[in-house]
Structures are given as C-alpha cells and as structure tokens.
C-alpha atoms as a PDB file:
ATOM      1  CA  MET A   1      74.301  82.658 -43.445  1.00  0.00           C
ATOM      2  CA  LYS A   2      77.523  82.281 -45.409  1.00  0.00           C
ATOM      3  CA  LYS A   3      77.820  80.011 -48.410  1.00  0.00           C
ATOM      4  CA  LYS A   4      80.211  77.080 -48.677  1.00  0.00           C
ATOM      5  CA  TYR A   5      82.113  78.635 -51.586  1.00  0.00           C
ATOM      6  CA  LEU A   6      83.702  81.967 -50.713  1.00  0.00           C
ATOM      7  CA  LEU A   7      86.357  84.342 -51.959  1.00  0.00           C
ATOM      8  CA  PRO A   8      89.963  83.262 -51.249  1.00  0.00           C
ATOM      9  CA  GLY A   9      90.539  81.743 -47.884  1.00  0.00           C
ATOM     10  CA  PHE A  10      87.380  82.480 -45.935  1.00  0.00           C
ATOM     11  CA  LEU A  11      87.369  80.558 -42.680  1.00  0.00           C
ATOM     12  CA  ALA A  12      84.267  79.329 -40.872  1.00  0.00           C
ATOM     13  CA  LEU A  13      84.258  80.038 -37.143  1.00  0.00           C
ATOM     14  CA  SER A  14      83.101  77.452 -34.640  1.00  0.00           C
ATOM     15  CA  LEU A  15      80.362  78.704 -32.360  1.00  0.00           C
ATOM     16  CA  LEU A  16      81.710  77.587 -29.027  1.00  0.00           C
ATOM     17  CA  PHE A  17      80.420  78.434 -25.573  1.00  0.00           C
ATOM     18  CA  ILE A  18      83.514  80.269 -24.359  1.00  0.00           C
ATOM     19  CA  SER A  19      84.051  83.996 -24.718  1.00  0.00           C
ATOM     20  CA  CYS A  20      87.114  86.132 -25.324  1.00  0.00           C
ATOM     21  CA  THR A  21      86.758  87.525 -21.827  1.00  0.00           C
ATOM     22  CA  GLY A  22      87.348  84.006 -20.567  1.00  0.00           C
ATOM     23  CA  GLN A  23      83.856  83.850 -19.126  1.00  0.00           C
ATOM     24  CA  ASN A  24      82.202  80.440 -19.324  1.00  0.00           C
ATOM     25  CA  LYS A  25      78.648  80.858 -20.582  1.00  0.00           C
ATOM     26  CA  ASN A  26      77.478  77.891 -18.569  1.00  0.00           C
ATOM     27  CA  ASN A  27      78.593  78.826 -15.079  1.00  0.00           C
ATOM     28  CA  GLY A  28      79.505  82.501 -15.324  1.00  0.00           C
ATOM     29  CA  GLN A  29      82.949  81.987 -13.831  1.00  0.00           C
ATOM     30  CA  VAL A  30      85.731  84.196 -15.119  1.00  0.00           C
ATOM     31  CA  ALA A  31      88.740  82.218 -16.284  1.00  0.00           C
ATOM     32  CA  VAL A  32      91.017  84.847 -17.825  1.00  0.00           C
ATOM     33  CA  GLN A  33      94.653  84.100 -17.064  1.00  0.00           C
ATOM     34  CA  MET A  34      95.789  87.426 -15.675  1.00  0.00           C
ATOM     35  CA  GLN A  35      99.498  86.859 -16.036  1.00  0.00           C
ATOM     36  CA  PRO A  36     102.080  89.531 -15.187  1.00  0.00           C
ATOM     37  CA  GLU A  37     102.365  92.229 -17.798  1.00  0.00           C
ATOM     38  CA  ALA A  38     104.905  91.401 -20.489  1.00  0.00           C
ATOM     39  CA  LYS A  39     107.443  94.008 -21.534  1.00  0.00           C
ATOM     40  CA  ILE A  40     107.340  94.538 -25.276  1.00  0.00           C
ATOM     41  CA  ASP A  41     110.634  95.426 -26.902  1.00  0.00           C
ATOM     42  CA  ILE A  42     110.684  98.950 -28.307  1.00  0.00           C
ATOM     43  CA  GLN A  43     111.213  98.803 -32.051  1.00  0.00           C
ATOM     44  CA  ASP A  44     111.756 101.388 -34.728  1.00  0.00           C
ATOM     45  CA  LEU A  45     108.440 101.091 -36.523  1.00  0.00           C
ATOM     46  CA  GLN A  46     108.476 104.500 -38.168  1.00  0.00           C
ATOM     47  CA  LYS A  47     109.345 103.105 -41.606  1.00  0.00           C
ATOM     48  CA  TYR A  48     106.315 100.826 -41.650  1.00  0.00           C
ATOM     49  CA  GLU A  49     102.764 101.596 -42.700  1.00  0.00           C
ATOM     50  CA  THR A  50      99.873 100.983 -40.332  1.00  0.00           C
ATOM     51  CA  ALA A  51      96.456  99.434 -40.836  1.00  0.00           C
ATOM     52  CA  TYR A  52      93.620  98.972 -38.361  1.00  0.00           C
ATOM     53  CA  PHE A  53      90.941  96.301 -38.146  1.00  0.00           C
ATOM     54  CA  ALA A  54      88.358  94.932 -35.712  1.00  0.00           C
ATOM     55  CA  SER A  55      86.996  91.411 -36.192  1.00  0.00           C
ATOM     56  CA  GLY A  56      86.215  89.888 -32.836  1.00  0.00           C
ATOM     57  CA  CYS A  57      88.521  88.979 -29.981  1.00  0.00           C
ATOM     58  CA  PHE A  58      91.851  90.728 -30.466  1.00  0.00           C
ATOM     59  CA  TRP A  59      93.724  87.720 -29.090  1.00  0.00           C
ATOM     60  CA  CYS A  60      92.689  85.837 -32.233  1.00  0.00           C
ATOM     61  CA  VAL A  61      93.100  88.693 -34.684  1.00  0.00           C
ATOM     62  CA  GLU A  62      96.570  89.631 -33.468  1.00  0.00           C
ATOM     63  CA  VAL A  63      98.072  86.190 -34.064  1.00  0.00           C
ATOM     64  CA  ILE A  64      96.517  85.965 -37.535  1.00  0.00           C
ATOM     65  CA  PHE A  65      98.010  89.225 -38.775  1.00  0.00           C
ATOM     66  CA  GLU A  66     101.348  88.508 -37.117  1.00  0.00           C
ATOM     67  CA  SER A  67     101.636  85.386 -39.294  1.00  0.00           C
ATOM     68  CA  VAL A  68     101.362  87.342 -42.558  1.00  0.00           C
ATOM     69  CA  LYS A  69     104.417  88.008 -44.713  1.00  0.00           C
ATOM     70  CA  GLY A  70     105.425  91.660 -44.640  1.00  0.00           C
ATOM     71  CA  VAL A  71     103.834  92.329 -41.253  1.00  0.00           C
ATOM     72  CA  LYS A  72     106.402  93.523 -38.726  1.00  0.00           C
ATOM     73  CA  GLU A  73     104.326  93.934 -35.571  1.00  0.00           C
ATOM     74  CA  VAL A  74     100.739  93.809 -34.372  1.00  0.00           C
ATOM     75  CA  PHE A  75      99.299  95.326 -31.210  1.00  0.00           C
ATOM     76  CA  SER A  76      95.955  94.606 -29.576  1.00  0.00           C
ATOM     77  CA  GLY A  77      93.895  97.570 -28.499  1.00  0.00           C
ATOM     78  CA  TYR A  78      90.706  99.565 -28.763  1.00  0.00           C
ATOM     79  CA  SER A  79      89.347 101.812 -31.506  1.00  0.00           C
ATOM     80  CA  GLY A  80      86.163 102.982 -33.165  1.00  0.00           C
ATOM     81  CA  GLY A  81      84.707 104.763 -30.131  1.00  0.00           C
ATOM     82  CA  SER A  82      84.657 108.244 -28.667  1.00  0.00           C
ATOM     83  CA  GLU A  83      85.891 107.631 -25.116  1.00  0.00           C
ATOM     84  CA  THR A  84      89.509 108.442 -24.252  1.00  0.00           C
ATOM     85  CA  ASP A  85      91.915 106.008 -22.589  1.00  0.00           C
ATOM     86  CA  PRO A  86      89.531 103.019 -22.391  1.00  0.00           C
ATOM     87  CA  THR A  87      90.465 100.046 -20.230  1.00  0.00           C
ATOM     88  CA  TYR A  88      89.823  96.387 -21.003  1.00  0.00           C
ATOM     89  CA  GLU A  89      87.155  96.241 -18.307  1.00  0.00           C
ATOM     90  CA  ASP A  90      85.418  99.303 -19.792  1.00  0.00           C
ATOM     91  CA  VAL A  91      85.369  97.830 -23.293  1.00  0.00           C
ATOM     92  CA  ALA A  92      84.661  94.205 -22.362  1.00  0.00           C
ATOM     93  CA  TYR A  93      81.647  95.111 -20.264  1.00  0.00           C
ATOM     94  CA  GLY A  94      80.175  97.417 -22.899  1.00  0.00           C
ATOM     95  CA  ASN A  95      80.852 100.678 -21.118  1.00  0.00           C
ATOM     96  CA  THR A  96      82.394 102.302 -24.196  1.00  0.00           C
ATOM     97  CA  SER A  97      81.670 102.563 -27.920  1.00  0.00           C
ATOM     98  CA  HIS A  98      85.063 101.066 -28.809  1.00  0.00           C
ATOM     99  CA  ALA A  99      85.705  97.686 -30.410  1.00  0.00           C
ATOM    100  CA  GLU A 100      88.550  95.301 -29.734  1.00  0.00           C
ATOM    101  CA  SER A 101      90.947  96.147 -32.565  1.00  0.00           C
ATOM    102  CA  VAL A 102      94.448  95.570 -33.855  1.00  0.00           C
ATOM    103  CA  GLU A 103      97.153  97.919 -35.086  1.00  0.00           C
ATOM    104  CA  VAL A 104      99.153  96.314 -37.894  1.00  0.00           C
ATOM    105  CA  TYR A 105     102.625  97.549 -38.857  1.00  0.00           C
ATOM    106  CA  TYR A 106     103.501  96.308 -42.337  1.00  0.00           C
ATOM    107  CA  ASP A 107     105.958  96.726 -45.190  1.00  0.00           C
ATOM    108  CA  PRO A 108     103.942  97.758 -48.295  1.00  0.00           C
ATOM    109  CA  SER A 109     106.719  96.425 -50.544  1.00  0.00           C
ATOM    110  CA  LYS A 110     105.973  92.924 -49.229  1.00  0.00           C
ATOM    111  CA  VAL A 111     102.250  93.005 -48.495  1.00  0.00           C
ATOM    112  CA  SER A 112      99.678  95.441 -49.856  1.00  0.00           C
ATOM    113  CA  PHE A 113      96.792  97.068 -48.049  1.00  0.00           C
ATOM    114  CA  LEU A 114      94.457  95.131 -50.349  1.00  0.00           C
ATOM    115  CA  GLU A 115      96.030  91.865 -49.221  1.00  0.00           C
ATOM    116  CA  LEU A 116      95.547  92.871 -45.596  1.00  0.00           C
ATOM    117  CA  VAL A 117      91.902  93.596 -46.385  1.00  0.00           C
ATOM    118  CA  GLN A 118      91.644  90.123 -47.904  1.00  0.00           C
ATOM    119  CA  VAL A 119      93.155  88.659 -44.726  1.00  0.00           C
ATOM    120  CA  PHE A 120      90.662  90.652 -42.673  1.00  0.00           C
ATOM    121  CA  PHE A 121      87.595  89.416 -44.559  1.00  0.00           C
ATOM    122  CA  GLY A 122      89.051  85.934 -44.949  1.00  0.00           C
ATOM    123  CA  SER A 123      89.548  85.407 -41.223  1.00  0.00           C
ATOM    124  CA  HIS A 124      86.129  86.264 -39.802  1.00  0.00           C
ATOM    125  CA  ASP A 125      82.435  86.329 -40.648  1.00  0.00           C
ATOM    126  CA  PRO A 126      81.493  89.896 -41.722  1.00  0.00           C
ATOM    127  CA  THR A 127      77.751  89.110 -41.759  1.00  0.00           C
ATOM    128  CA  THR A 128      77.238  88.653 -38.010  1.00  0.00           C
ATOM    129  CA  LEU A 129      76.177  91.893 -36.327  1.00  0.00           C
ATOM    130  CA  ASN A 130      77.931  92.639 -33.040  1.00  0.00           C
ATOM    131  CA  ARG A 131      79.181  89.089 -32.850  1.00  0.00           C
ATOM    132  CA  GLN A 132      82.112  86.927 -33.859  1.00  0.00           C
ATOM    133  CA  GLY A 133      81.938  83.250 -33.101  1.00  0.00           C
ATOM    134  CA  PRO A 134      81.084  82.832 -29.414  1.00  0.00           C
ATOM    135  CA  ASP A 135      81.803  86.502 -28.607  1.00  0.00           C
ATOM    136  CA  ARG A 136      78.844  88.851 -28.563  1.00  0.00           C
ATOM    137  CA  GLY A 137      78.444  92.580 -28.076  1.00  0.00           C
ATOM    138  CA  PRO A 138      79.204  95.797 -30.016  1.00  0.00           C
ATOM    139  CA  HIS A 139      82.830  95.643 -28.857  1.00  0.00           C
ATOM    140  CA  TYR A 140      83.229  92.552 -31.085  1.00  0.00           C
ATOM    141  CA  ARG A 141      81.764  94.180 -34.197  1.00  0.00           C
ATOM    142  CA  SER A 142      83.439  94.046 -37.595  1.00  0.00           C
ATOM    143  CA  ILE A 143      85.225  97.253 -38.643  1.00  0.00           C
ATOM    144  CA  ALA A 144      87.609  98.029 -41.489  1.00  0.00           C
ATOM    145  CA  PHE A 145      89.295 101.345 -40.737  1.00  0.00           C
ATOM    146  CA  TYR A 146      90.718 103.602 -43.434  1.00  0.00           C
ATOM    147  CA  LYS A 147      93.239 106.422 -43.071  1.00  0.00           C
ATOM    148  CA  ASN A 148      92.761 108.000 -46.475  1.00  0.00           C
ATOM    149  CA  GLU A 149      90.530 107.965 -49.536  1.00  0.00           C
ATOM    150  CA  SER A 150      92.619 105.341 -51.290  1.00  0.00           C
ATOM    151  CA  GLU A 151      92.213 102.851 -48.449  1.00  0.00           C
ATOM    152  CA  GLN A 152      88.498 103.603 -48.293  1.00  0.00           C
ATOM    153  CA  GLN A 153      88.180 102.821 -51.997  1.00  0.00           C
ATOM    154  CA  VAL A 154      90.076  99.543 -51.585  1.00  0.00           C
ATOM    155  CA  ILE A 155      87.780  98.404 -48.775  1.00  0.00           C
ATOM    156  CA  ASN A 156      84.581  99.425 -50.529  1.00  0.00           C
ATOM    157  CA  ALA A 157      85.688  97.819 -53.811  1.00  0.00           C
ATOM    158  CA  TYR A 158      86.425  94.547 -52.045  1.00  0.00           C
ATOM    159  CA  ILE A 159      83.045  94.575 -50.315  1.00  0.00           C
ATOM    160  CA  GLN A 160      81.426  95.247 -53.687  1.00  0.00           C
ATOM    161  CA  ALA A 161      83.301  92.268 -55.156  1.00  0.00           C
ATOM    162  CA  LEU A 162      82.072  90.067 -52.311  1.00  0.00           C
ATOM    163  CA  ASN A 163      78.510  91.216 -52.910  1.00  0.00           C
ATOM    164  CA  GLU A 164      78.661  90.811 -56.684  1.00  0.00           C
ATOM    165  CA  SER A 165      80.056  87.322 -56.279  1.00  0.00           C
ATOM    166  CA  GLN A 166      77.147  86.507 -53.965  1.00  0.00           C
ATOM    167  CA  VAL A 167      79.572  85.099 -51.451  1.00  0.00           C
ATOM    168  CA  TYR A 168      77.151  85.498 -48.557  1.00  0.00           C
ATOM    169  CA  ASP A 169      73.486  84.700 -48.066  1.00  0.00           C
ATOM    170  CA  GLN A 170      73.288  87.512 -45.532  1.00  0.00           C
ATOM    171  CA  PRO A 171      74.300  91.181 -45.865  1.00  0.00           C
ATOM    172  CA  ILE A 172      77.819  92.228 -44.938  1.00  0.00           C
ATOM    173  CA  VAL A 173      77.601  94.338 -41.781  1.00  0.00           C
ATOM    174  CA  THR A 174      81.249  95.399 -41.599  1.00  0.00           C
ATOM    175  CA  GLU A 175      81.575  99.076 -40.753  1.00  0.00           C
ATOM    176  CA  VAL A 176      83.891 101.107 -42.998  1.00  0.00           C
ATOM    177  CA  VAL A 177      85.113 103.829 -40.672  1.00  0.00           C
ATOM    178  CA  ALA A 178      87.633 106.669 -40.879  1.00  0.00           C
ATOM    179  CA  PHE A 179      90.443 105.910 -38.444  1.00  0.00           C
ATOM    180  CA  GLU A 180      90.815 108.378 -35.602  1.00  0.00           C
ATOM    181  CA  LYS A 181      92.626 106.917 -32.607  1.00  0.00           C
ATOM    182  CA  PHE A 182      94.024 103.595 -31.443  1.00  0.00           C
ATOM    183  CA  TYR A 183      94.460 102.883 -27.750  1.00  0.00           C
ATOM    184  CA  LYS A 184      96.920 100.099 -27.046  1.00  0.00           C
ATOM    185  CA  ALA A 185      95.543  97.439 -24.717  1.00  0.00           C
ATOM    186  CA  GLU A 186      97.132  96.469 -21.443  1.00  0.00           C
ATOM    187  CA  ASP A 187     100.457  94.633 -21.766  1.00  0.00           C
ATOM    188  CA  TYR A 188      99.052  91.301 -20.617  1.00  0.00           C
ATOM    189  CA  HIS A 189      96.856  91.231 -23.736  1.00  0.00           C
ATOM    190  CA  GLN A 190      99.797  91.515 -26.130  1.00  0.00           C
ATOM    191  CA  ASP A 191     100.840  88.173 -27.663  1.00  0.00           C
ATOM    192  CA  TYR A 192      98.201  86.609 -25.439  1.00  0.00           C
ATOM    193  CA  GLU A 193      97.807  83.392 -27.383  1.00  0.00           C
ATOM    194  CA  ARG A 194     101.538  82.686 -27.457  1.00  0.00           C
ATOM    195  CA  ARG A 195     101.949  83.356 -23.739  1.00  0.00           C
ATOM    196  CA  ASN A 196      98.781  81.557 -22.622  1.00  0.00           C
ATOM    197  CA  PRO A 197      98.610  78.370 -24.709  1.00  0.00           C
ATOM    198  CA  ASN A 198      96.613  76.504 -22.054  1.00  0.00           C
ATOM    199  CA  ASN A 199      93.871  79.103 -21.730  1.00  0.00           C
ATOM    200  CA  SER A 200      90.540  77.427 -22.597  1.00  0.00           C
ATOM    201  CA  TYR A 201      89.517  80.163 -25.046  1.00  0.00           C
ATOM    202  CA  VAL A 202      92.888  80.017 -26.771  1.00  0.00           C
ATOM    203  CA  ARG A 203      92.711  76.233 -27.130  1.00  0.00           C
ATOM    204  CA  ASN A 204      89.079  76.040 -28.238  1.00  0.00           C
ATOM    205  CA  VAL A 205      88.562  79.203 -30.273  1.00  0.00           C
ATOM    206  CA  SER A 206      91.746  81.101 -31.096  1.00  0.00           C
ATOM    207  CA  VAL A 207      93.945  78.170 -32.154  1.00  0.00           C
ATOM    208  CA  PRO A 208      91.262  76.540 -34.371  1.00  0.00           C
ATOM    209  CA  ARG A 209      90.544  79.924 -35.967  1.00  0.00           C
ATOM    210  CA  PHE A 210      94.252  80.427 -36.648  1.00  0.00           C
ATOM    211  CA  ASN A 211      94.644  76.921 -38.029  1.00  0.00           C
ATOM    212  CA  ARG A 212      91.790  77.466 -40.463  1.00  0.00           C
ATOM    213  CA  PHE A 213      93.372  80.716 -41.579  1.00  0.00           C
ATOM    214  CA  LYS A 214      96.711  78.981 -42.187  1.00  0.00           C
ATOM    215  CA  LYS A 215      94.990  76.283 -44.222  1.00  0.00           C
ATOM    216  CA  ASN A 216      93.158  78.820 -46.382  1.00  0.00           C
ATOM    217  CA  PHE A 217      95.990  81.349 -46.801  1.00  0.00           C
ATOM    218  CA  PRO A 218      99.236  79.343 -47.058  1.00  0.00           C
ATOM    219  CA  GLU A 219     100.664  81.739 -49.642  1.00  0.00           C
ATOM    220  CA  TYR A 220     100.427  84.654 -47.177  1.00  0.00           C
ATOM    221  CA  LEU A 221     102.243  82.974 -44.301  1.00  0.00           C
ATOM    222  CA  LYS A 222     105.738  83.768 -43.079  1.00  0.00           C
ATOM    223  CA  ASP A 223     108.287  81.020 -43.587  1.00  0.00           C
ATOM    224  CA  ASP A 224     108.575  80.286 -39.867  1.00  0.00           C
ATOM    225  CA  VAL A 225     104.819  79.874 -39.331  1.00  0.00           C
ATOM    226  CA  HIS A 226     103.805  76.246 -38.923  1.00  0.00           C
END
C-alpha cells in the first residue's frame, strides 16, 4: 500500500477492469485495435544515450517518456528474458520470461539518467508484484535496467532514498537488472496511444495515467506537451 505523500510526482494508478492486451475482464472478448503497421522514420540516434525500463503496459510507458524534455525517441518492446525474438503473443500470454519494456533515446545534456529514474518510479507503483494497475502477470513486472555500474548505483541509491523516506507501506519489488537485449515490438505497437485514441484501454487507463504524470511532473515536460 502506498502512502499519500510520496517523492516528487508519484502518480496513483486506477485499478480498472481493462487490460493492456485489450481483453475485457468481464466478457473475455479481445478488443485490441490491430491497425496496419506504421512505418517509423529512420533517425540518426547514434549520438543519444539509451535507457531501458519496464513498468506495465508499454503503450502507457512509451507516451510518458516521449513527453520528457531531452528524450528524442522511445520504442516499445520486450526485455528482461532469455528467449530470442519474442512476439507480442508470446509475451502477452506468458510464454516467455520477458517484460513489456521501453527503449529510451535521450540527450544527457538535457535530461540525466537520474531524472529518467525519477520519471520511472514516479509514473508507476513499484510495490505491486507482477502487476501494474489492471494488468497482471510477470510480463508487467517492474524493472529498472542498468548498462553499467554507475547506472546501477543511481538506481539503487534512489530506491534507498525511497525506503529511507518511508514513501511506501509495502516493499519495493522493482527488479534492478543488468541490461542484455531489447527486442523491438511489432510496428503496430509503436506510438499506439497516439494512433488509437479511441481504444478503450487507451481512454480508460493510458490517458488518465499520462495526465496524472503531466500534473505531477510539469517541469519535465516538453514545451509542446499539453
């Protein structure tokens, strides 16, 4: 159980009865809008740093990080498991050890890794094991990936600060994991919220989650984010 007073910008997720897979918990019908795959423009991202996080449905997480100043691009995908070339169906139905994750390309002169870690913890509940909001299963678990010792220290120090501040009534269950491989998700998952504004999950879960993040982190938002 999380407390009402938290470190900067923590948002409380609504526990709705719709899942990221688009499956209605009440009638079992699948409602994912399988639109044609979108072609993503190829960009020169070599000059940017990368960071990797998992905190529930990647549709939600992608749009949050894309709104942050200094972030150039975000891709939805799969990481944290051992299987090669996982598909959405494999991951969503628990047939792999991967989690829905995001790959964040950012300019460290404009946003630091620590600030991205703050965005990560401030935009989900790190005390719920294998669950985020209405989405349940190990593929929705909370993971902060690190690529080197410095990033590992930043993550662990922030978790320690959360614990020492007694921010949560329950233990933080976020995994701190060495990054190994990121598998980009199918094209129709990229920018899903923007391209599917009428999807029931987007309307009822993703948009409210994003709005809470914007309210709690106004200083981190790009100028064109409303």
